[in-house]
PDB file of N, CA and C in Angstrom:
ATOM      1  N   MET A   1     -64.506 -10.840 103.358  1.00  0.00           N
ATOM      2  CA  MET A   1     -63.926 -10.096 102.246  1.00  0.00           C
ATOM      3  C   MET A   1     -64.820  -8.901 101.911  1.00  0.00           C
ATOM      4  N   GLN A   2     -64.208  -7.779 101.682  1.00  0.00           N
ATOM      5  CA  GLN A   2     -64.964  -6.578 101.370  1.00  0.00           C
ATOM      6  C   GLN A   2     -65.477  -6.659  99.937  1.00  0.00           C
ATOM      7  N   SER A   3     -66.749  -6.289  99.751  1.00  0.00           N
ATOM      8  CA  SER A   3     -67.342  -6.435  98.422  1.00  0.00           C
ATOM      9  C   SER A   3     -67.234  -5.173  97.586  1.00  0.00           C
ATOM     10  N   LYS A   4     -66.627  -4.102  98.116  1.00  0.00           N
ATOM     11  CA  LYS A   4     -66.475  -2.882  97.339  1.00  0.00           C
ATOM     12  C   LYS A   4     -65.016  -2.722  96.930  1.00  0.00           C
ATOM     13  N   THR A   5     -64.823  -2.266  95.729  1.00  0.00           N
ATOM     14  CA  THR A   5     -63.492  -2.027  95.198  1.00  0.00           C
ATOM     15  C   THR A   5     -63.467  -0.637  94.611  1.00  0.00           C
ATOM     16  N   ILE A   6     -62.347   0.042  94.725  1.00  0.00           N
ATOM     17  CA  ILE A   6     -62.209   1.376  94.151  1.00  0.00           C
ATOM     18  C   ILE A   6     -61.243   1.294  92.982  1.00  0.00           C
ATOM     19  N   LEU A   7     -61.698   1.743  91.828  1.00  0.00           N
ATOM     20  CA  LEU A   7     -60.851   1.800  90.642  1.00  0.00           C
ATOM     21  C   LEU A   7     -60.437   3.240  90.423  1.00  0.00           C
ATOM     22  N   LYS A   8     -59.164   3.473  90.301  1.00  0.00           N
ATOM     23  CA  LYS A   8     -58.679   4.814  89.994  1.00  0.00           C
ATOM     24  C   LYS A   8     -58.385   4.851  88.502  1.00  0.00           C
ATOM     25  N   LEU A   9     -59.348   5.354  87.739  1.00  0.00           N
ATOM     26  CA  LEU A   9     -59.224   5.361  86.292  1.00  0.00           C
ATOM     27  C   LEU A   9     -58.531   6.625  85.796  1.00  0.00           C
ATOM     28  N   VAL A  10     -58.834   7.733  86.408  1.00  0.00           N
ATOM     29  CA  VAL A  10     -58.246   9.005  86.021  1.00  0.00           C
ATOM     30  C   VAL A  10     -57.817   9.680  87.308  1.00  0.00           C
ATOM     31  N   GLN A  11     -56.732  10.398  87.279  1.00  0.00           N
ATOM     32  CA  GLN A  11     -56.231  11.050  88.479  1.00  0.00           C
ATOM     33  C   GLN A  11     -57.345  11.893  89.098  1.00  0.00           C
ATOM     34  N   GLY A  12     -57.627  11.625  90.353  1.00  0.00           N
ATOM     35  CA  GLY A  12     -58.649  12.369  91.062  1.00  0.00           C
ATOM     36  C   GLY A  12     -60.057  11.857  90.819  1.00  0.00           C
ATOM     37  N   TYR A  13     -60.207  10.779  90.076  1.00  0.00           N
ATOM     38  CA  TYR A  13     -61.534  10.264  89.778  1.00  0.00           C
ATOM     39  C   TYR A  13     -61.614   8.839  90.276  1.00  0.00           C
ATOM     40  N   ASN A  14     -62.534   8.569  91.185  1.00  0.00           N
ATOM     41  CA  ASN A  14     -62.706   7.225  91.726  1.00  0.00           C
ATOM     42  C   ASN A  14     -64.098   6.715  91.390  1.00  0.00           C
ATOM     43  N   MET A  15     -64.186   5.435  91.113  1.00  0.00           N
ATOM     44  CA  MET A  15     -65.470   4.810  90.882  1.00  0.00           C
ATOM     45  C   MET A  15     -65.587   3.625  91.826  1.00  0.00           C
ATOM     46  N   GLU A  16     -66.643   3.600  92.591  1.00  0.00           N
ATOM     47  CA  GLU A  16     -66.880   2.465  93.459  1.00  0.00           C
ATOM     48  C   GLU A  16     -67.962   1.596  92.824  1.00  0.00           C
ATOM     49  N   PHE A  17     -67.770   0.309  92.878  1.00  0.00           N
ATOM     50  CA  PHE A  17     -68.805  -0.593  92.401  1.00  0.00           C
ATOM     51  C   PHE A  17     -68.909  -1.758  93.362  1.00  0.00           C
ATOM     52  N   ASN A  18     -70.075  -2.317  93.395  1.00  0.00           N
ATOM     53  CA  ASN A  18     -70.346  -3.446  94.260  1.00  0.00           C
ATOM     54  C   ASN A  18     -70.066  -4.717  93.459  1.00  0.00           C
ATOM     55  N   LEU A  19     -69.208  -5.558  93.967  1.00  0.00           N
ATOM     56  CA  LEU A  19     -68.806  -6.765  93.247  1.00  0.00           C
ATOM     57  C   LEU A  19     -69.999  -7.682  92.981  1.00  0.00           C
ATOM     58  N   SER A  20     -70.918  -7.751  93.923  1.00  0.00           N
ATOM     59  CA  SER A  20     -72.090  -8.612  93.713  1.00  0.00           C
ATOM     60  C   SER A  20     -72.958  -8.088  92.574  1.00  0.00           C
ATOM     61  N   ALA A  21     -73.013  -6.766  92.383  1.00  0.00           N
ATOM     62  CA  ALA A  21     -73.779  -6.196  91.272  1.00  0.00           C
ATOM     63  C   ALA A  21     -73.134  -6.575  89.933  1.00  0.00           C
ATOM     64  N   VAL A  22     -71.813  -6.602  89.894  1.00  0.00           N
ATOM     65  CA  VAL A  22     -71.113  -6.998  88.666  1.00  0.00           C
ATOM     66  C   VAL A  22     -71.381  -8.463  88.356  1.00  0.00           C
ATOM     67  N   VAL A  23     -71.294  -9.300  89.362  1.00  0.00           N
ATOM     68  CA  VAL A  23     -71.564 -10.732  89.165  1.00  0.00           C
ATOM     69  C   VAL A  23     -73.011 -10.936  88.722  1.00  0.00           C
ATOM     70  N   GLU A  24     -73.931 -10.189  89.301  1.00  0.00           N
ATOM     71  CA  GLU A  24     -75.338 -10.288  88.918  1.00  0.00           C
ATOM     72  C   GLU A  24     -75.541  -9.854  87.463  1.00  0.00           C
ATOM     73  N   LEU A  25     -74.848  -8.784  87.055  1.00  0.00           N
ATOM     74  CA  LEU A  25     -74.936  -8.319  85.668  1.00  0.00           C
ATOM     75  C   LEU A  25     -74.405  -9.376  84.714  1.00  0.00           C
ATOM     76  N   ILE A  26     -73.267  -9.966  85.038  1.00  0.00           N
ATOM     77  CA  ILE A  26     -72.679 -11.001  84.176  1.00  0.00           C
ATOM     78  C   ILE A  26     -73.608 -12.207  84.085  1.00  0.00           C
ATOM     79  N   ASN A  27     -74.174 -12.624  85.207  1.00  0.00           N
ATOM     80  CA  ASN A  27     -75.095 -13.763  85.187  1.00  0.00           C
ATOM     81  C   ASN A  27     -76.370 -13.450  84.433  1.00  0.00           C
ATOM     82  N   GLY A  28     -76.808 -12.179  84.483  1.00  0.00           N
ATOM     83  CA  GLY A  28     -78.056 -11.802  83.831  1.00  0.00           C
ATOM     84  C   GLY A  28     -77.937 -11.661  82.327  1.00  0.00           C
ATOM     85  N   VAL A  29     -76.871 -11.041  81.844  1.00  0.00           N
ATOM     86  CA  VAL A  29     -76.777 -10.766  80.405  1.00  0.00           C
ATOM     87  C   VAL A  29     -75.631 -11.501  79.725  1.00  0.00           C
ATOM     88  N   GLY A  30     -74.771 -12.086  80.479  1.00  0.00           N
ATOM     89  CA  GLY A  30     -73.641 -12.799  79.899  1.00  0.00           C
ATOM     90  C   GLY A  30     -72.383 -11.951  79.910  1.00  0.00           C
ATOM     91  N   PHE A  31     -71.266 -12.636  79.934  1.00  0.00           N
ATOM     92  CA  PHE A  31     -69.974 -11.956  80.043  1.00  0.00           C
ATOM     93  C   PHE A  31     -69.688 -11.009  78.882  1.00  0.00           C
ATOM     94  N   PRO A  32     -69.884 -11.414  77.614  1.00  0.00           N
ATOM     95  CA  PRO A  32     -69.553 -10.496  76.511  1.00  0.00           C
ATOM     96  C   PRO A  32     -70.348  -9.193  76.553  1.00  0.00           C
ATOM     97  N   ILE A  33     -71.622  -9.277  76.879  1.00  0.00           N
ATOM     98  CA  ILE A  33     -72.443  -8.067  76.947  1.00  0.00           C
ATOM     99  C   ILE A  33     -72.020  -7.212  78.127  1.00  0.00           C
ATOM    100  N   ALA A  34     -71.715  -7.833  79.259  1.00  0.00           N
ATOM    101  CA  ALA A  34     -71.260  -7.078  80.434  1.00  0.00           C
ATOM    102  C   ALA A  34     -69.951  -6.350  80.128  1.00  0.00           C
ATOM    103  N   VAL A  35     -69.057  -7.005  79.410  1.00  0.00           N
ATOM    104  CA  VAL A  35     -67.792  -6.374  79.046  1.00  0.00           C
ATOM    105  C   VAL A  35     -68.042  -5.232  78.066  1.00  0.00           C
ATOM    106  N   CYS A  36     -68.952  -5.415  77.126  1.00  0.00           N
ATOM    107  CA  CYS A  36     -69.293  -4.339  76.183  1.00  0.00           C
ATOM    108  C   CYS A  36     -69.826  -3.119  76.926  1.00  0.00           C
ATOM    109  N   ILE A  37     -70.673  -3.346  77.912  1.00  0.00           N
ATOM    110  CA  ILE A  37     -71.210  -2.245  78.711  1.00  0.00           C
ATOM    111  C   ILE A  37     -70.090  -1.534  79.467  1.00  0.00           C
ATOM    112  N   ALA A  38     -69.197  -2.307  80.067  1.00  0.00           N
ATOM    113  CA  ALA A  38     -68.084  -1.721  80.816  1.00  0.00           C
ATOM    114  C   ALA A  38     -67.172  -0.932  79.889  1.00  0.00           C
ATOM    115  N   LEU A  39     -66.864  -1.483  78.718  1.00  0.00           N
ATOM    116  CA  LEU A  39     -65.995  -0.783  77.775  1.00  0.00           C
ATOM    117  C   LEU A  39     -66.660   0.482  77.229  1.00  0.00           C
ATOM    118  N   PHE A  40     -67.956   0.418  76.997  1.00  0.00           N
ATOM    119  CA  PHE A  40     -68.691   1.605  76.547  1.00  0.00           C
ATOM    120  C   PHE A  40     -68.598   2.701  77.599  1.00  0.00           C
ATOM    121  N   TRP A  41     -68.839   2.342  78.853  1.00  0.00           N
ATOM    122  CA  TRP A  41     -68.778   3.317  79.945  1.00  0.00           C
ATOM    123  C   TRP A  41     -67.382   3.922  80.040  1.00  0.00           C
ATOM    124  N   PHE A  42     -66.362   3.070  80.021  1.00  0.00           N
ATOM    125  CA  PHE A  42     -64.981   3.532  80.117  1.00  0.00           C
ATOM    126  C   PHE A  42     -64.625   4.440  78.942  1.00  0.00           C
ATOM    127  N   ASN A  43     -65.024   4.045  77.740  1.00  0.00           N
ATOM    128  CA  ASN A  43     -64.745   4.819  76.534  1.00  0.00           C
ATOM    129  C   ASN A  43     -65.428   6.179  76.594  1.00  0.00           C
ATOM    130  N   ARG A  44     -66.668   6.217  77.041  1.00  0.00           N
ATOM    131  CA  ARG A  44     -67.405   7.471  77.150  1.00  0.00           C
ATOM    132  C   ARG A  44     -66.708   8.440  78.106  1.00  0.00           C
ATOM    133  N   ASP A  45     -66.307   7.942  79.258  1.00  0.00           N
ATOM    134  CA  ASP A  45     -65.632   8.792  80.233  1.00  0.00           C
ATOM    135  C   ASP A  45     -64.254   9.223  79.744  1.00  0.00           C
ATOM    136  N   THR A  46     -63.553   8.352  79.054  1.00  0.00           N
ATOM    137  CA  THR A  46     -62.246   8.696  78.505  1.00  0.00           C
ATOM    138  C   THR A  46     -62.378   9.804  77.471  1.00  0.00           C
ATOM    139  N   ILE A  47     -63.375   9.723  76.617  1.00  0.00           N
ATOM    140  CA  ILE A  47     -63.596  10.749  75.599  1.00  0.00           C
ATOM    141  C   ILE A  47     -63.926  12.083  76.255  1.00  0.00           C
ATOM    142  N   ARG A  48     -64.739  12.067  77.303  1.00  0.00           N
ATOM    143  CA  ARG A  48     -65.059  13.312  78.018  1.00  0.00           C
ATOM    144  C   ARG A  48     -63.805  13.952  78.598  1.00  0.00           C
ATOM    145  N   GLU A  49     -62.949  13.154  79.203  1.00  0.00           N
ATOM    146  CA  GLU A  49     -61.708  13.680  79.778  1.00  0.00           C
ATOM    147  C   GLU A  49     -60.787  14.216  78.684  1.00  0.00           C
ATOM    148  N   GLN A  50     -60.716  13.525  77.553  1.00  0.00           N
ATOM    149  CA  GLN A  50     -59.875  13.988  76.447  1.00  0.00           C
ATOM    150  C   GLN A  50     -60.388  15.305  75.882  1.00  0.00           C
ATOM    151  N   GLN A  51     -61.701  15.462  75.815  1.00  0.00           N
ATOM    152  CA  GLN A  51     -62.268  16.715  75.325  1.00  0.00           C
ATOM    153  C   GLN A  51     -61.894  17.871  76.237  1.00  0.00           C
ATOM    154  N   LYS A  52     -61.945  17.654  77.553  1.00  0.00           N
ATOM    155  CA  LYS A  52     -61.547  18.693  78.501  1.00  0.00           C
ATOM    156  C   LYS A  52     -60.078  19.054  78.315  1.00  0.00           C
ATOM    157  N   LEU A  53     -59.235  18.049  78.152  1.00  0.00           N
ATOM    158  CA  LEU A  53     -57.805  18.294  77.963  1.00  0.00           C
ATOM    159  C   LEU A  53     -57.527  19.015  76.649  1.00  0.00           C
ATOM    160  N   LEU A  54     -58.261  18.674  75.591  1.00  0.00           N
ATOM    161  CA  LEU A  54     -58.061  19.338  74.305  1.00  0.00           C
ATOM    162  C   LEU A  54     -58.467  20.806  74.366  1.00  0.00           C
ATOM    163  N   ILE A  55     -59.526  21.110  75.081  1.00  0.00           N
ATOM    164  CA  ILE A  55     -59.941  22.504  75.251  1.00  0.00           C
ATOM    165  C   ILE A  55     -58.861  23.278  75.996  1.00  0.00           C
ATOM    166  N   GLU A  56     -58.322  22.664  77.048  1.00  0.00           N
ATOM    167  CA  GLU A  56     -57.252  23.302  77.812  1.00  0.00           C
ATOM    168  C   GLU A  56     -56.005  23.496  76.941  1.00  0.00           C
ATOM    169  N   LEU A  57     -55.669  22.501  76.152  1.00  0.00           N
ATOM    170  CA  LEU A  57     -54.512  22.595  75.259  1.00  0.00           C
ATOM    171  C   LEU A  57     -54.711  23.685  74.216  1.00  0.00           C
ATOM    172  N   LYS A  58     -55.914  23.787  73.674  1.00  0.00           N
ATOM    173  CA  LYS A  58     -56.222  24.827  72.699  1.00  0.00           C
ATOM    174  C   LYS A  58     -56.020  26.213  73.300  1.00  0.00           C
ATOM    175  N   ASP A  59     -56.461  26.407  74.531  1.00  0.00           N
ATOM    176  CA  ASP A  59     -56.278  27.691  75.200  1.00  0.00           C
ATOM    177  C   ASP A  59     -54.795  27.996  75.424  1.00  0.00           C
ATOM    178  N   ILE A  60     -54.047  26.997  75.803  1.00  0.00           N
ATOM    179  CA  ILE A  60     -52.609  27.175  76.025  1.00  0.00           C
ATOM    180  C   ILE A  60     -51.902  27.542  74.720  1.00  0.00           C
ATOM    181  N   ILE A  61     -52.251  26.878  73.635  1.00  0.00           N
ATOM    182  CA  ILE A  61     -51.640  27.168  72.337  1.00  0.00           C
ATOM    183  C   ILE A  61     -51.993  28.580  71.885  1.00  0.00           C
ATOM    184  N   ARG A  62     -53.252  28.988  72.092  1.00  0.00           N
ATOM    185  CA  ARG A  62     -53.661  30.346  71.723  1.00  0.00           C
ATOM    186  C   ARG A  62     -52.861  31.386  72.512  1.00  0.00           C
ATOM    187  N   ASP A  63     -52.723  31.157  73.823  1.00  0.00           N
ATOM    188  CA  ASP A  63     -51.939  32.077  74.654  1.00  0.00           C
ATOM    189  C   ASP A  63     -50.483  32.114  74.212  1.00  0.00           C
ATOM    190  N   ASN A  64     -49.941  30.960  73.877  1.00  0.00           N
ATOM    191  CA  ASN A  64     -48.562  30.881  73.408  1.00  0.00           C
ATOM    192  C   ASN A  64     -48.389  31.634  72.088  1.00  0.00           C
ATOM    193  N   SER A  65     -49.356  31.527  71.220  1.00  0.00           N
ATOM    194  CA  SER A  65     -49.292  32.235  69.937  1.00  0.00           C
ATOM    195  C   SER A  65     -49.293  33.748  70.149  1.00  0.00           C
ATOM    196  N   GLU A  66     -50.093  34.221  71.089  1.00  0.00           N
ATOM    197  CA  GLU A  66     -50.133  35.653  71.382  1.00  0.00           C
ATOM    198  C   GLU A  66     -48.787  36.136  71.925  1.00  0.00           C
ATOM    199  N   VAL A  67     -48.182  35.346  72.784  1.00  0.00           N
ATOM    200  CA  VAL A  67     -46.872  35.702  73.321  1.00  0.00           C
ATOM    201  C   VAL A  67     -45.827  35.723  72.214  1.00  0.00           C
ATOM    202  N   MET A  68     -45.884  34.750  71.319  1.00  0.00           N
ATOM    203  CA  MET A  68     -44.930  34.704  70.204  1.00  0.00           C
ATOM    204  C   MET A  68     -45.096  35.935  69.311  1.00  0.00           C
ATOM    205  N   LYS A  69     -46.337  36.342  69.041  1.00  0.00           N
ATOM    206  CA  LYS A  69     -46.579  37.540  68.229  1.00  0.00           C
ATOM    207  C   LYS A  69     -46.005  38.772  68.919  1.00  0.00           C
ATOM    208  N   ASP A  70     -46.207  38.878  70.222  1.00  0.00           N
ATOM    209  CA  ASP A  70     -45.660  40.005  70.975  1.00  0.00           C
ATOM    210  C   ASP A  70     -44.133  40.013  70.909  1.00  0.00           C
ATOM    211  N   LEU A  71     -43.515  38.852  71.025  1.00  0.00           N
ATOM    212  CA  LEU A  71     -42.053  38.765  70.932  1.00  0.00           C
ATOM    213  C   LEU A  71     -41.560  39.172  69.551  1.00  0.00           C
ATOM    214  N   ILE A  72     -42.236  38.725  68.525  1.00  0.00           N
ATOM    215  CA  ILE A  72     -41.854  39.080  67.152  1.00  0.00           C
ATOM    216  C   ILE A  72     -41.977  40.588  66.955  1.00  0.00           C
ATOM    217  N   ASP A  73     -43.056  41.183  67.440  1.00  0.00           N
ATOM    218  CA  ASP A  73     -43.239  42.635  67.322  1.00  0.00           C
ATOM    219  C   ASP A  73     -42.132  43.370  68.072  1.00  0.00           C
ATOM    220  N   GLU A  74     -41.778  42.889  69.243  1.00  0.00           N
ATOM    221  CA  GLU A  74     -40.729  43.517  70.051  1.00  0.00           C
ATOM    222  C   GLU A  74     -39.374  43.417  69.336  1.00  0.00           C
ATOM    223  N   ILE A  75     -39.084  42.283  68.732  1.00  0.00           N
ATOM    224  CA  ILE A  75     -37.825  42.103  68.001  1.00  0.00           C
ATOM    225  C   ILE A  75     -37.775  43.014  66.792  1.00  0.00           C
ATOM    226  N   LYS A  76     -38.904  43.157  66.091  1.00  0.00           N
ATOM    227  CA  LYS A  76     -38.948  44.004  64.900  1.00  0.00           C
ATOM    228  C   LYS A  76     -38.732  45.485  65.255  1.00  0.00           C
ATOM    229  N   ARG A  77     -39.166  45.913  66.426  1.00  0.00           N
ATOM    230  CA  ARG A  77     -38.999  47.292  66.857  1.00  0.00           C
ATOM    231  C   ARG A  77     -37.544  47.630  67.152  1.00  0.00           C
ATOM    232  N   LYS A  78     -36.765  46.658  67.532  1.00  0.00           N
ATOM    233  CA  LYS A  78     -35.363  46.904  67.906  1.00  0.00           C
ATOM    234  C   LYS A  78     -34.488  46.771  66.734  1.00  0.00           C
TER     235      LYS A  78
END
């Protein structure tokens, strides 16, 4: 059995982990702490991706607002 697994968490983003390392972590610190670490990591990466998307959305909204202003000015001229 292959000990590596690929998780596709975000489109275009892959994380490889060694299953034996996960089992070792769980045995070393316990399941609840291992899950807390995993959730912290996942949450941190999710927040980073959301921040990138929000910046992109902000730029799109700003561009859309400029186009709307131009359209309003054009309508007022006619």
